[in-house]
């Protein structure tokens, strides 16, 4: 696919900088903590604490506004066209490297649900998400009301494969409908959909675009 002028601008602004994004956020946060200590500044301390949350979130929101990540999109990576998914992954990479950052959010009940909403996910009412849940793509979840997620449930809304010598990425949101129970260690791939009133047994696997409903725990 031929790169447009928009692709070239986005690549210039973000593509080559984003691999260092996690390091940049970490250095910025540590520097601000050090300055807050030097100056005995409570305000600067709060800014330093919020930096690893707000900087990635606002950067993602800016890129998504300019170059939206489309539902069900297919991208070829490592090419001249700009990849909104790869940019999204680079921005969120800090939470894979430092999972303690999101573990801290769980100390305030249901704050993590709001955190996912801030990224663009759709989270319903009375959704219980334990601290051990692993989410790779924070902007790509659709979870209904009255949903319980077991420990170590894994969400990935993308699938990467090599095709004809090119790296291909498919992206689609994971959906869990109302009144569902997801057993521990379940894995859900891109486009997976758990129908309403389902009970999914532990260690289940939902492959790409799979849709299952019913009482799997029986």
Foldseek 3Di string as FASTA:
>chain_A
DDADPLQQVCCVVAVVCLLCQLVVLVVVLVVLCVVCVVVVPPVSPVCSLCSLQPVLLVVLVVCCVSPNDDAFDKDWPPDSGDDNVVSQQSSCVNCVVPVVSLLVCVVPPCSVVVSLVSSQEAAEAPEDDDSQEAERRSNAEYEYYQEYEEHHEYEEQKDWDADPNIIMMTGHHEYEYAQEYHEANEYEYHLEYEDYNEYHYHNHYHDHNRYDYDHNVD
